[in-house]
Amino acid sequence: MLLGDCKHGIPLYYTGYVQEVKVSKIQIDPGSVVNILPIQTMNHVSLMPRSLNETGVKIHGYGGQGSRALGKIKIKYQIDDLIAFPDCNVVEAQTTYGLLLGRPWTHENHVIPSTLH
């Protein structure tokens, strides 16, 4: 559906806190089956690589190419009054977001993201 000049293709970004450190460009994507924490954000919030748990998850992007997650980690995430502890797959990749919250996070927290509202 084309909506004329409306910018309906722009991702839904928020600013929040990961481990009590401000992180911008947090993307909420109900189309993603995993939560993703880029290694750059992990370093920014001073999480240690030894905190990672092993995982066999392989993440596929739009190009069909896949890469293995470096590991999995539970983080503290806060946006306004909502505090959650999502499990995130850590990836070493250039991303346009500081954290991607997918279906696991939206379902657990009963969030209905809407770019329209």
PDB file of N, CA and C in Angstrom:
ATOM      1  N   MET A   1       0.848  -1.176   0.000  1.00  0.00           N
ATOM      2  CA  MET A   1       0.000   0.000   0.000  1.00  0.00           C
ATOM      3  C   MET A   1       0.895   1.240   0.000  1.00  0.00           C
ATOM      4  N   LEU A   2       0.717   2.075  -0.962  1.00  0.00           N
ATOM      5  CA  LEU A   2       1.502   3.307  -1.027  1.00  0.00           C
ATOM      6  C   LEU A   2       0.733   4.425  -0.342  1.00  0.00           C
ATOM      7  N   LEU A   3       1.415   5.153   0.495  1.00  0.00           N
ATOM      8  CA  LEU A   3       0.774   6.215   1.269  1.00  0.00           C
ATOM      9  C   LEU A   3       1.256   7.595   0.860  1.00  0.00           C
ATOM     10  N   GLY A   4       1.611   7.759  -0.380  1.00  0.00           N
ATOM     11  CA  GLY A   4       2.052   9.071  -0.848  1.00  0.00           C
ATOM     12  C   GLY A   4       3.380   9.459  -0.244  1.00  0.00           C
ATOM     13  N   ASP A   5       3.443  10.649   0.359  1.00  0.00           N
ATOM     14  CA  ASP A   5       4.685  11.159   0.919  1.00  0.00           C
ATOM     15  C   ASP A   5       4.974  10.661   2.333  1.00  0.00           C
ATOM     16  N   CYS A   6       4.124   9.820   2.900  1.00  0.00           N
ATOM     17  CA  CYS A   6       4.352   9.305   4.252  1.00  0.00           C
ATOM     18  C   CYS A   6       5.614   8.454   4.279  1.00  0.00           C
ATOM     19  N   LYS A   7       6.347   8.577   5.335  1.00  0.00           N
ATOM     20  CA  LYS A   7       7.600   7.835   5.466  1.00  0.00           C
ATOM     21  C   LYS A   7       7.358   6.530   6.218  1.00  0.00           C
ATOM     22  N   HIS A   8       6.486   5.673   5.655  1.00  0.00           N
ATOM     23  CA  HIS A   8       6.101   4.438   6.322  1.00  0.00           C
ATOM     24  C   HIS A   8       7.176   3.362   6.251  1.00  0.00           C
ATOM     25  N   GLY A   9       8.232   3.579   5.511  1.00  0.00           N
ATOM     26  CA  GLY A   9       9.299   2.594   5.401  1.00  0.00           C
ATOM     27  C   GLY A   9      10.427   2.812   6.391  1.00  0.00           C
ATOM     28  N   ILE A  10      10.330   3.845   7.205  1.00  0.00           N
ATOM     29  CA  ILE A  10      11.393   4.168   8.159  1.00  0.00           C
ATOM     30  C   ILE A  10      11.279   3.243   9.378  1.00  0.00           C
ATOM     31  N   PRO A  11      12.408   2.675   9.840  1.00  0.00           N
ATOM     32  CA  PRO A  11      12.362   1.786  11.009  1.00  0.00           C
ATOM     33  C   PRO A  11      11.909   2.519  12.268  1.00  0.00           C
ATOM     34  N   LEU A  12      11.380   1.755  13.215  1.00  0.00           N
ATOM     35  CA  LEU A  12      10.925   2.281  14.495  1.00  0.00           C
ATOM     36  C   LEU A  12      12.102   2.260  15.472  1.00  0.00           C
ATOM     37  N   TYR A  13      12.668   3.439  15.749  1.00  0.00           N
ATOM     38  CA  TYR A  13      13.824   3.564  16.641  1.00  0.00           C
ATOM     39  C   TYR A  13      13.426   4.243  17.949  1.00  0.00           C
ATOM     40  N   TYR A  14      14.092   3.830  19.025  1.00  0.00           N
ATOM     41  CA  TYR A  14      13.929   4.450  20.338  1.00  0.00           C
ATOM     42  C   TYR A  14      15.297   4.705  20.923  1.00  0.00           C
ATOM     43  N   THR A  15      15.328   5.497  21.968  1.00  0.00           N
ATOM     44  CA  THR A  15      16.518   5.643  22.792  1.00  0.00           C
ATOM     45  C   THR A  15      16.180   5.051  24.138  1.00  0.00           C
ATOM     46  N   GLY A  16      17.075   4.240  24.656  1.00  0.00           N
ATOM     47  CA  GLY A  16      16.840   3.593  25.947  1.00  0.00           C
ATOM     48  C   GLY A  16      18.162   3.369  26.657  1.00  0.00           C
ATOM     49  N   TYR A  17      18.132   2.515  27.643  1.00  0.00           N
ATOM     50  CA  TYR A  17      19.321   2.247  28.444  1.00  0.00           C
ATOM     51  C   TYR A  17      19.604   0.752  28.461  1.00  0.00           C
ATOM     52  N   VAL A  18      20.851   0.411  28.165  1.00  0.00           N
ATOM     53  CA  VAL A  18      21.326  -0.958  28.261  1.00  0.00           C
ATOM     54  C   VAL A  18      22.369  -0.959  29.360  1.00  0.00           C
ATOM     55  N   GLN A  19      22.130  -1.767  30.384  1.00  0.00           N
ATOM     56  CA  GLN A  19      23.035  -1.794  31.538  1.00  0.00           C
ATOM     57  C   GLN A  19      23.231  -0.374  32.092  1.00  0.00           C
ATOM     58  N   GLU A  20      22.183   0.432  32.042  1.00  0.00           N
ATOM     59  CA  GLU A  20      22.152   1.805  32.556  1.00  0.00           C
ATOM     60  C   GLU A  20      23.016   2.786  31.766  1.00  0.00           C
ATOM     61  N   VAL A  21      23.412   2.408  30.561  1.00  0.00           N
ATOM     62  CA  VAL A  21      24.147   3.291  29.655  1.00  0.00           C
ATOM     63  C   VAL A  21      23.215   3.645  28.509  1.00  0.00           C
ATOM     64  N   LYS A  22      23.129   4.940  28.195  1.00  0.00           N
ATOM     65  CA  LYS A  22      22.228   5.405  27.147  1.00  0.00           C
ATOM     66  C   LYS A  22      22.660   4.865  25.784  1.00  0.00           C
ATOM     67  N   VAL A  23      21.697   4.285  25.075  1.00  0.00           N
ATOM     68  CA  VAL A  23      21.941   3.745  23.738  1.00  0.00           C
ATOM     69  C   VAL A  23      20.866   4.299  22.814  1.00  0.00           C
ATOM     70  N   SER A  24      21.294   4.886  21.715  1.00  0.00           N
ATOM     71  CA  SER A  24      20.331   5.408  20.751  1.00  0.00           C
ATOM     72  C   SER A  24      20.147   4.399  19.621  1.00  0.00           C
ATOM     73  N   LYS A  25      19.164   4.658  18.798  1.00  0.00           N
ATOM     74  CA  LYS A  25      18.844   3.809  17.651  1.00  0.00           C
ATOM     75  C   LYS A  25      18.578   2.364  18.068  1.00  0.00           C
ATOM     76  N   ILE A  26      17.713   2.214  19.056  1.00  0.00           N
ATOM     77  CA  ILE A  26      17.237   0.888  19.420  1.00  0.00           C
ATOM     78  C   ILE A  26      16.052   0.603  18.520  1.00  0.00           C
ATOM     79  N   GLN A  27      16.186  -0.432  17.719  1.00  0.00           N
ATOM     80  CA  GLN A  27      15.149  -0.756  16.741  1.00  0.00           C
ATOM     81  C   GLN A  27      14.240  -1.849  17.279  1.00  0.00           C
ATOM     82  N   ILE A  28      12.946  -1.605  17.182  1.00  0.00           N
ATOM     83  CA  ILE A  28      11.967  -2.617  17.546  1.00  0.00           C
ATOM     84  C   ILE A  28      11.439  -3.187  16.240  1.00  0.00           C
ATOM     85  N   ASP A  29      11.674  -4.491  16.050  1.00  0.00           N
ATOM     86  CA  ASP A  29      11.345  -5.141  14.788  1.00  0.00           C
ATOM     87  C   ASP A  29      10.587  -6.439  15.045  1.00  0.00           C
ATOM     88  N   PRO A  30       9.248  -6.395  14.971  1.00  0.00           N
ATOM     89  CA  PRO A  30       8.479  -7.602  15.227  1.00  0.00           C
ATOM     90  C   PRO A  30       8.662  -8.674  14.156  1.00  0.00           C
ATOM     91  N   GLY A  31       9.398  -8.371  13.096  1.00  0.00           N
ATOM     92  CA  GLY A  31       9.679  -9.356  12.065  1.00  0.00           C
ATOM     93  C   GLY A  31      10.920 -10.184  12.363  1.00  0.00           C
ATOM     94  N   SER A  32      11.689  -9.784  13.362  1.00  0.00           N
ATOM     95  CA  SER A  32      12.908 -10.501  13.716  1.00  0.00           C
ATOM     96  C   SER A  32      12.604 -11.585  14.750  1.00  0.00           C
ATOM     97  N   VAL A  33      13.144 -12.772  14.547  1.00  0.00           N
ATOM     98  CA  VAL A  33      12.894 -13.869  15.483  1.00  0.00           C
ATOM     99  C   VAL A  33      13.908 -13.917  16.620  1.00  0.00           C
ATOM    100  N   VAL A  34      14.863 -12.997  16.613  1.00  0.00           N
ATOM    101  CA  VAL A  34      15.861 -12.924  17.683  1.00  0.00           C
ATOM    102  C   VAL A  34      16.087 -11.473  18.083  1.00  0.00           C
ATOM    103  N   ASN A  35      16.604 -11.283  19.292  1.00  0.00           N
ATOM    104  CA  ASN A  35      17.087  -9.981  19.744  1.00  0.00           C
ATOM    105  C   ASN A  35      18.577  -9.949  19.407  1.00  0.00           C
ATOM    106  N   ILE A  36      19.048  -8.827  18.869  1.00  0.00           N
ATOM    107  CA  ILE A  36      20.444  -8.744  18.430  1.00  0.00           C
ATOM    108  C   ILE A  36      21.149  -7.570  19.099  1.00  0.00           C
ATOM    109  N   LEU A  37      22.298  -7.875  19.672  1.00  0.00           N
ATOM    110  CA  LEU A  37      23.164  -6.871  20.276  1.00  0.00           C
ATOM    111  C   LEU A  37      24.472  -6.835  19.484  1.00  0.00           C
ATOM    112  N   PRO A  38      24.728  -5.762  18.732  1.00  0.00           N
ATOM    113  CA  PRO A  38      25.998  -5.668  18.004  1.00  0.00           C
ATOM    114  C   PRO A  38      27.171  -5.587  18.985  1.00  0.00           C
ATOM    115  N   ILE A  39      28.296  -6.144  18.591  1.00  0.00           N
ATOM    116  CA  ILE A  39      29.490  -6.143  19.446  1.00  0.00           C
ATOM    117  C   ILE A  39      29.903  -4.718  19.813  1.00  0.00           C
ATOM    118  N   GLN A  40      29.657  -3.735  18.910  1.00  0.00           N
ATOM    119  CA  GLN A  40      30.004  -2.341  19.202  1.00  0.00           C
ATOM    120  C   GLN A  40      29.205  -1.834  20.410  1.00  0.00           C
ATOM    121  N   THR A  41      27.929  -2.192  20.482  1.00  0.00           N
ATOM    122  CA  THR A  41      27.107  -1.765  21.619  1.00  0.00           C
ATOM    123  C   THR A  41      27.542  -2.488  22.875  1.00  0.00           C
ATOM    124  N   MET A  42      27.877  -3.762  22.749  1.00  0.00           N
ATOM    125  CA  MET A  42      28.360  -4.530  23.901  1.00  0.00           C
ATOM    126  C   MET A  42      29.592  -3.852  24.500  1.00  0.00           C
ATOM    127  N   ASN A  43      30.508  -3.412  23.639  1.00  0.00           N
ATOM    128  CA  ASN A  43      31.703  -2.704  24.111  1.00  0.00           C
ATOM    129  C   ASN A  43      31.340  -1.344  24.696  1.00  0.00           C
ATOM    130  N   HIS A  44      30.394  -0.638  24.066  1.00  0.00           N
ATOM    131  CA  HIS A  44      29.973   0.695  24.517  1.00  0.00           C
ATOM    132  C   HIS A  44      29.411   0.660  25.944  1.00  0.00           C
ATOM    133  N   VAL A  45      28.696  -0.398  26.283  1.00  0.00           N
ATOM    134  CA  VAL A  45      28.089  -0.493  27.618  1.00  0.00           C
ATOM    135  C   VAL A  45      28.971  -1.291  28.585  1.00  0.00           C
ATOM    136  N   SER A  46      30.196  -1.571  28.156  1.00  0.00           N
ATOM    137  CA  SER A  46      31.224  -2.224  28.983  1.00  0.00           C
ATOM    138  C   SER A  46      30.857  -3.630  29.448  1.00  0.00           C
ATOM    139  N   LEU A  47      30.213  -4.398  28.572  1.00  0.00           N
ATOM    140  CA  LEU A  47      29.985  -5.808  28.865  1.00  0.00           C
ATOM    141  C   LEU A  47      31.208  -6.587  28.399  1.00  0.00           C
ATOM    142  N   MET A  48      31.636  -7.539  29.190  1.00  0.00           N
ATOM    143  CA  MET A  48      32.835  -8.305  28.879  1.00  0.00           C
ATOM    144  C   MET A  48      32.505  -9.508  27.988  1.00  0.00           C
ATOM    145  N   PRO A  49      33.353  -9.784  26.996  1.00  0.00           N
ATOM    146  CA  PRO A  49      33.123 -10.951  26.132  1.00  0.00           C
ATOM    147  C   PRO A  49      33.030 -12.259  26.910  1.00  0.00           C
ATOM    148  N   ARG A  50      33.685 -12.346  28.061  1.00  0.00           N
ATOM    149  CA  ARG A  50      33.606 -13.582  28.853  1.00  0.00           C
ATOM    150  C   ARG A  50      32.200 -13.799  29.425  1.00  0.00           C
ATOM    151  N   SER A  51      31.349 -12.763  29.345  1.00  0.00           N
ATOM    152  CA  SER A  51      29.966 -12.873  29.807  1.00  0.00           C
ATOM    153  C   SER A  51      29.081 -13.637  28.822  1.00  0.00           C
ATOM    154  N   LEU A  52      29.594 -13.891  27.624  1.00  0.00           N
ATOM    155  CA  LEU A  52      28.800 -14.547  26.594  1.00  0.00           C
ATOM    156  C   LEU A  52      28.635 -16.036  26.880  1.00  0.00           C
ATOM    157  N   ASN A  53      27.432 -16.530  26.627  1.00  0.00           N
ATOM    158  CA  ASN A  53      27.153 -17.960  26.690  1.00  0.00           C
ATOM    159  C   ASN A  53      27.195 -18.497  25.267  1.00  0.00           C
ATOM    160  N   GLU A  54      27.614 -19.731  25.126  1.00  0.00           N
ATOM    161  CA  GLU A  54      27.683 -20.333  23.805  1.00  0.00           C
ATOM    162  C   GLU A  54      26.291 -20.491  23.207  1.00  0.00           C
ATOM    163  N   THR A  55      26.234 -20.339  21.896  1.00  0.00           N
ATOM    164  CA  THR A  55      24.997 -20.558  21.162  1.00  0.00           C
ATOM    165  C   THR A  55      25.339 -21.037  19.764  1.00  0.00           C
ATOM    166  N   GLY A  56      24.479 -21.826  19.207  1.00  0.00           N
ATOM    167  CA  GLY A  56      24.696 -22.311  17.849  1.00  0.00           C
ATOM    168  C   GLY A  56      23.869 -21.548  16.836  1.00  0.00           C
ATOM    169  N   VAL A  57      23.352 -20.391  17.233  1.00  0.00           N
ATOM    170  CA  VAL A  57      22.451 -19.623  16.379  1.00  0.00           C
ATOM    171  C   VAL A  57      23.205 -19.051  15.185  1.00  0.00           C
ATOM    172  N   LYS A  58      22.610 -19.235  14.006  1.00  0.00           N
ATOM    173  CA  LYS A  58      23.128 -18.630  12.789  1.00  0.00           C
ATOM    174  C   LYS A  58      22.079 -17.633  12.325  1.00  0.00           C
ATOM    175  N   ILE A  59      22.488 -16.392  12.132  1.00  0.00           N
ATOM    176  CA  ILE A  59      21.568 -15.315  11.784  1.00  0.00           C
ATOM    177  C   ILE A  59      21.720 -15.002  10.301  1.00  0.00           C
ATOM    178  N   HIS A  60      20.582 -14.986   9.608  1.00  0.00           N
ATOM    179  CA  HIS A  60      20.571 -14.707   8.176  1.00  0.00           C
ATOM    180  C   HIS A  60      20.023 -13.306   7.939  1.00  0.00           C
ATOM    181  N   GLY A  61      20.694 -12.560   7.081  1.00  0.00           N
ATOM    182  CA  GLY A  61      20.244 -11.223   6.732  1.00  0.00           C
ATOM    183  C   GLY A  61      19.452 -11.246   5.441  1.00  0.00           C
ATOM    184  N   TYR A  62      19.169 -10.077   4.922  1.00  0.00           N
ATOM    185  CA  TYR A  62      18.371  -9.946   3.712  1.00  0.00           C
ATOM    186  C   TYR A  62      19.036 -10.572   2.498  1.00  0.00           C
ATOM    187  N   GLY A  63      20.342 -10.553   2.449  1.00  0.00           N
ATOM    188  CA  GLY A  63      21.054 -11.105   1.306  1.00  0.00           C
ATOM    189  C   GLY A  63      21.127 -12.623   1.325  1.00  0.00           C
ATOM    190  N   GLY A  64      20.597 -13.253   2.353  1.00  0.00           N
ATOM    191  CA  GLY A  64      20.624 -14.698   2.456  1.00  0.00           C
ATOM    192  C   GLY A  64      21.906 -15.233   3.074  1.00  0.00           C
ATOM    193  N   GLN A  65      22.892 -14.377   3.241  1.00  0.00           N
ATOM    194  CA  GLN A  65      24.141 -14.803   3.858  1.00  0.00           C
ATOM    195  C   GLN A  65      23.938 -14.893   5.361  1.00  0.00           C
ATOM    196  N   GLY A  66      24.512 -15.908   5.947  1.00  0.00           N
ATOM    197  CA  GLY A  66      24.368 -16.088   7.381  1.00  0.00           C
ATOM    198  C   GLY A  66      25.701 -15.981   8.099  1.00  0.00           C
ATOM    199  N   SER A  67      25.632 -15.646   9.363  1.00  0.00           N
ATOM    200  CA  SER A  67      26.829 -15.635  10.198  1.00  0.00           C
ATOM    201  C   SER A  67      26.436 -16.117  11.590  1.00  0.00           C
ATOM    202  N   ARG A  68      27.344 -16.766  12.236  1.00  0.00           N
ATOM    203  CA  ARG A  68      27.082 -17.284  13.570  1.00  0.00           C
ATOM    204  C   ARG A  68      27.156 -16.157  14.598  1.00  0.00           C
ATOM    205  N   ALA A  69      26.276 -16.232  15.565  1.00  0.00           N
ATOM    206  CA  ALA A  69      26.337 -15.287  16.675  1.00  0.00           C
ATOM    207  C   ALA A  69      27.591 -15.603  17.483  1.00  0.00           C
ATOM    208  N   LEU A  70      28.213 -14.572  18.041  1.00  0.00           N
ATOM    209  CA  LEU A  70      29.399 -14.779  18.871  1.00  0.00           C
ATOM    210  C   LEU A  70      29.033 -15.440  20.192  1.00  0.00           C
ATOM    211  N   GLY A  71      27.795 -15.268  20.588  1.00  0.00           N
ATOM    212  CA  GLY A  71      27.307 -15.835  21.838  1.00  0.00           C
ATOM    213  C   GLY A  71      25.994 -15.184  22.205  1.00  0.00           C
ATOM    214  N   LYS A  72      25.494 -15.558  23.363  1.00  0.00           N
ATOM    215  CA  LYS A  72      24.225 -15.043  23.850  1.00  0.00           C
ATOM    216  C   LYS A  72      24.458 -14.430  25.229  1.00  0.00           C
ATOM    217  N   ILE A  73      23.729 -13.341  25.504  1.00  0.00           N
ATOM    218  CA  ILE A  73      23.894 -12.671  26.790  1.00  0.00           C
ATOM    219  C   ILE A  73      22.554 -12.084  27.227  1.00  0.00           C
ATOM    220  N   LYS A  74      22.301 -12.092  28.510  1.00  0.00           N
ATOM    221  CA  LYS A  74      21.110 -11.454  29.081  1.00  0.00           C
ATOM    222  C   LYS A  74      21.526 -10.052  29.506  1.00  0.00           C
ATOM    223  N   ILE A  75      20.781  -9.060  29.043  1.00  0.00           N
ATOM    224  CA  ILE A  75      21.097  -7.673  29.363  1.00  0.00           C
ATOM    225  C   ILE A  75      19.947  -7.049  30.144  1.00  0.00           C
ATOM    226  N   LYS A  76      20.229  -5.932  30.791  1.00  0.00           N
ATOM    227  CA  LYS A  76      19.178  -5.121  31.410  1.00  0.00           C
ATOM    228  C   LYS A  76      18.870  -4.006  30.425  1.00  0.00           C
ATOM    229  N   TYR A  77      17.600  -3.906  30.058  1.00  0.00           N
ATOM    230  CA  TYR A  77      17.171  -2.896  29.096  1.00  0.00           C
ATOM    231  C   TYR A  77      16.043  -2.081  29.707  1.00  0.00           C
ATOM    232  N   GLN A  78      16.122  -0.756  29.552  1.00  0.00           N
ATOM    233  CA  GLN A  78      15.070   0.115  30.078  1.00  0.00           C
ATOM    234  C   GLN A  78      14.707   1.174  29.058  1.00  0.00           C
ATOM    235  N   ILE A  79      13.403   1.323  28.883  1.00  0.00           N
ATOM    236  CA  ILE A  79      12.857   2.411  28.090  1.00  0.00           C
ATOM    237  C   ILE A  79      11.699   2.967  28.903  1.00  0.00           C
ATOM    238  N   ASP A  80      11.795   4.224  29.282  1.00  0.00           N
ATOM    239  CA  ASP A  80      10.818   4.848  30.178  1.00  0.00           C
ATOM    240  C   ASP A  80      10.644   3.986  31.427  1.00  0.00           C
ATOM    241  N   ASP A  81       9.421   3.556  31.731  1.00  0.00           N
ATOM    242  CA  ASP A  81       9.157   2.759  32.934  1.00  0.00           C
ATOM    243  C   ASP A  81       9.337   1.260  32.720  1.00  0.00           C
ATOM    244  N   LEU A  82       9.515   0.843  31.480  1.00  0.00           N
ATOM    245  CA  LEU A  82       9.632  -0.581  31.171  1.00  0.00           C
ATOM    246  C   LEU A  82      11.073  -1.046  31.362  1.00  0.00           C
ATOM    247  N   ILE A  83      11.240  -1.999  32.266  1.00  0.00           N
ATOM    248  CA  ILE A  83      12.548  -2.623  32.484  1.00  0.00           C
ATOM    249  C   ILE A  83      12.409  -4.089  32.120  1.00  0.00           C
ATOM    250  N   ALA A  84      13.314  -4.575  31.283  1.00  0.00           N
ATOM    251  CA  ALA A  84      13.265  -5.965  30.838  1.00  0.00           C
ATOM    252  C   ALA A  84      14.678  -6.538  30.810  1.00  0.00           C
ATOM    253  N   PHE A  85      14.741  -7.845  30.765  1.00  0.00           N
ATOM    254  CA  PHE A  85      16.025  -8.550  30.758  1.00  0.00           C
ATOM    255  C   PHE A  85      16.057  -9.539  29.582  1.00  0.00           C
ATOM    256  N   PRO A  86      16.128  -9.011  28.354  1.00  0.00           N
ATOM    257  CA  PRO A  86      16.095  -9.904  27.190  1.00  0.00           C
ATOM    258  C   PRO A  86      17.406 -10.647  26.973  1.00  0.00           C
ATOM    259  N   ASP A  87      17.285 -11.858  26.434  1.00  0.00           N
ATOM    260  CA  ASP A  87      18.444 -12.598  25.944  1.00  0.00           C
ATOM    261  C   ASP A  87      18.740 -12.069  24.547  1.00  0.00           C
ATOM    262  N   CYS A  88      19.988 -11.716  24.298  1.00  0.00           N
ATOM    263  CA  CYS A  88      20.376 -11.164  22.999  1.00  0.00           C
ATOM    264  C   CYS A  88      21.497 -11.989  22.388  1.00  0.00           C
ATOM    265  N   ASN A  89      21.426 -12.157  21.090  1.00  0.00           N
ATOM    266  CA  ASN A  89      22.507 -12.776  20.339  1.00  0.00           C
ATOM    267  C   ASN A  89      23.472 -11.681  19.938  1.00  0.00           C
ATOM    268  N   VAL A  90      24.742 -11.855  20.259  1.00  0.00           N
ATOM    269  CA  VAL A  90      25.764 -10.852  19.950  1.00  0.00           C
ATOM    270  C   VAL A  90      26.355 -11.167  18.580  1.00  0.00           C
ATOM    271  N   VAL A  91      26.397 -10.143  17.741  1.00  0.00           N
ATOM    272  CA  VAL A  91      26.929 -10.307  16.389  1.00  0.00           C
ATOM    273  C   VAL A  91      28.044  -9.302  16.130  1.00  0.00           C
ATOM    274  N   GLU A  92      28.953  -9.723  15.274  1.00  0.00           N
ATOM    275  CA  GLU A  92      30.014  -8.820  14.828  1.00  0.00           C
ATOM    276  C   GLU A  92      29.664  -8.415  13.412  1.00  0.00           C
ATOM    277  N   ALA A  93      28.971  -7.286  13.299  1.00  0.00           N
ATOM    278  CA  ALA A  93      28.514  -6.807  11.997  1.00  0.00           C
ATOM    279  C   ALA A  93      28.249  -5.312  12.077  1.00  0.00           C
ATOM    280  N   GLN A  94      28.343  -4.662  10.933  1.00  0.00           N
ATOM    281  CA  GLN A  94      27.975  -3.248  10.851  1.00  0.00           C
ATOM    282  C   GLN A  94      26.450  -3.180  10.816  1.00  0.00           C
ATOM    283  N   THR A  95      25.853  -2.488  11.748  1.00  0.00           N
ATOM    284  CA  THR A  95      24.396  -2.379  11.811  1.00  0.00           C
ATOM    285  C   THR A  95      23.987  -0.914  11.847  1.00  0.00           C
ATOM    286  N   THR A  96      22.730  -0.664  11.519  1.00  0.00           N
ATOM    287  CA  THR A  96      22.207   0.699  11.592  1.00  0.00           C
ATOM    288  C   THR A  96      21.563   0.951  12.944  1.00  0.00           C
ATOM    289  N   TYR A  97      21.586  -0.031  13.827  1.00  0.00           N
ATOM    290  CA  TYR A  97      20.955   0.081  15.146  1.00  0.00           C
ATOM    291  C   TYR A  97      21.954  -0.253  16.246  1.00  0.00           C
ATOM    292  N   GLY A  98      21.654   0.246  17.437  1.00  0.00           N
ATOM    293  CA  GLY A  98      22.478  -0.065  18.598  1.00  0.00           C
ATOM    294  C   GLY A  98      22.007  -1.318  19.312  1.00  0.00           C
ATOM    295  N   LEU A  99      20.761  -1.700  19.095  1.00  0.00           N
ATOM    296  CA  LEU A  99      20.161  -2.906  19.671  1.00  0.00           C
ATOM    297  C   LEU A  99      18.918  -3.187  18.852  1.00  0.00           C
ATOM    298  N   LEU A 100      18.680  -4.442  18.517  1.00  0.00           N
ATOM    299  CA  LEU A 100      17.475  -4.813  17.798  1.00  0.00           C
ATOM    300  C   LEU A 100      16.650  -5.711  18.710  1.00  0.00           C
ATOM    301  N   LEU A 101      15.437  -5.270  19.002  1.00  0.00           N
ATOM    302  CA  LEU A 101      14.521  -6.042  19.834  1.00  0.00           C
ATOM    303  C   LEU A 101      13.470  -6.656  18.925  1.00  0.00           C
ATOM    304  N   GLY A 102      13.458  -7.971  18.857  1.00  0.00           N
ATOM    305  CA  GLY A 102      12.556  -8.691  17.975  1.00  0.00           C
ATOM    306  C   GLY A 102      11.368  -9.280  18.715  1.00  0.00           C
ATOM    307  N   ARG A 103      10.776 -10.302  18.096  1.00  0.00           N
ATOM    308  CA  ARG A 103       9.582 -10.932  18.655  1.00  0.00           C
ATOM    309  C   ARG A 103       9.750 -11.469  20.070  1.00  0.00           C
ATOM    310  N   PRO A 104      10.905 -12.059  20.427  1.00  0.00           N
ATOM    311  CA  PRO A 104      11.015 -12.540  21.810  1.00  0.00           C
ATOM    312  C   PRO A 104      10.751 -11.422  22.827  1.00  0.00           C
ATOM    313  N   TRP A 105      11.297 -10.242  22.568  1.00  0.00           N
ATOM    314  CA  TRP A 105      11.122  -9.117  23.494  1.00  0.00           C
ATOM    315  C   TRP A 105       9.707  -8.558  23.424  1.00  0.00           C
ATOM    316  N   THR A 106       9.176  -8.380  22.197  1.00  0.00           N
ATOM    317  CA  THR A 106       7.838  -7.795  22.077  1.00  0.00           C
ATOM    318  C   THR A 106       6.784  -8.703  22.690  1.00  0.00           C
ATOM    319  N   HIS A 107       6.903 -10.011  22.509  1.00  0.00           N
ATOM    320  CA  HIS A 107       5.924 -10.944  23.087  1.00  0.00           C
ATOM    321  C   HIS A 107       6.036 -11.008  24.608  1.00  0.00           C
ATOM    322  N   GLU A 108       7.260 -11.081  25.104  1.00  0.00           N
ATOM    323  CA  GLU A 108       7.468 -11.171  26.554  1.00  0.00           C
ATOM    324  C   GLU A 108       6.930  -9.945  27.290  1.00  0.00           C
ATOM    325  N   ASN A 109       7.028  -8.793  26.645  1.00  0.00           N
ATOM    326  CA  ASN A 109       6.630  -7.544  27.301  1.00  0.00           C
ATOM    327  C   ASN A 109       5.274  -7.019  26.815  1.00  0.00           C
ATOM    328  N   HIS A 110       4.588  -7.807  25.992  1.00  0.00           N
ATOM    329  CA  HIS A 110       3.260  -7.442  25.489  1.00  0.00           C
ATOM    330  C   HIS A 110       3.268  -6.077  24.816  1.00  0.00           C
ATOM    331  N   VAL A 111       4.302  -5.855  23.989  1.00  0.00           N
ATOM    332  CA  VAL A 111       4.469  -4.594  23.274  1.00  0.00           C
ATOM    333  C   VAL A 111       3.938  -4.765  21.862  1.00  0.00           C
ATOM    334  N   ILE A 112       3.189  -3.787  21.412  1.00  0.00           N
ATOM    335  CA  ILE A 112       2.690  -3.772  20.042  1.00  0.00           C
ATOM    336  C   ILE A 112       3.300  -2.543  19.371  1.00  0.00           C
ATOM    337  N   PRO A 113       4.444  -2.734  18.664  1.00  0.00           N
ATOM    338  CA  PRO A 113       5.078  -1.587  18.033  1.00  0.00           C
ATOM    339  C   PRO A 113       4.279  -1.115  16.828  1.00  0.00           C
ATOM    340  N   SER A 114       4.146   0.192  16.696  1.00  0.00           N
ATOM    341  CA  SER A 114       3.405   0.756  15.576  1.00  0.00           C
ATOM    342  C   SER A 114       4.064   2.044  15.117  1.00  0.00           C
ATOM    343  N   THR A 115       4.559   2.039  13.887  1.00  0.00           N
ATOM    344  CA  THR A 115       5.138   3.257  13.339  1.00  0.00           C
ATOM    345  C   THR A 115       4.043   4.267  13.036  1.00  0.00           C
ATOM    346  N   LEU A 116       2.824   3.795  12.840  1.00  0.00           N
ATOM    347  CA  LEU A 116       1.705   4.689  12.569  1.00  0.00           C
ATOM    348  C   LEU A 116       1.379   5.552  13.794  1.00  0.00           C
ATOM    349  N   HIS A 117       1.408   4.970  14.968  1.00  0.00           N
ATOM    350  CA  HIS A 117       1.068   5.706  16.193  1.00  0.00           C
ATOM    351  C   HIS A 117       2.281   6.358  16.814  1.00  0.00           C
TER     352      HIS A 117
END
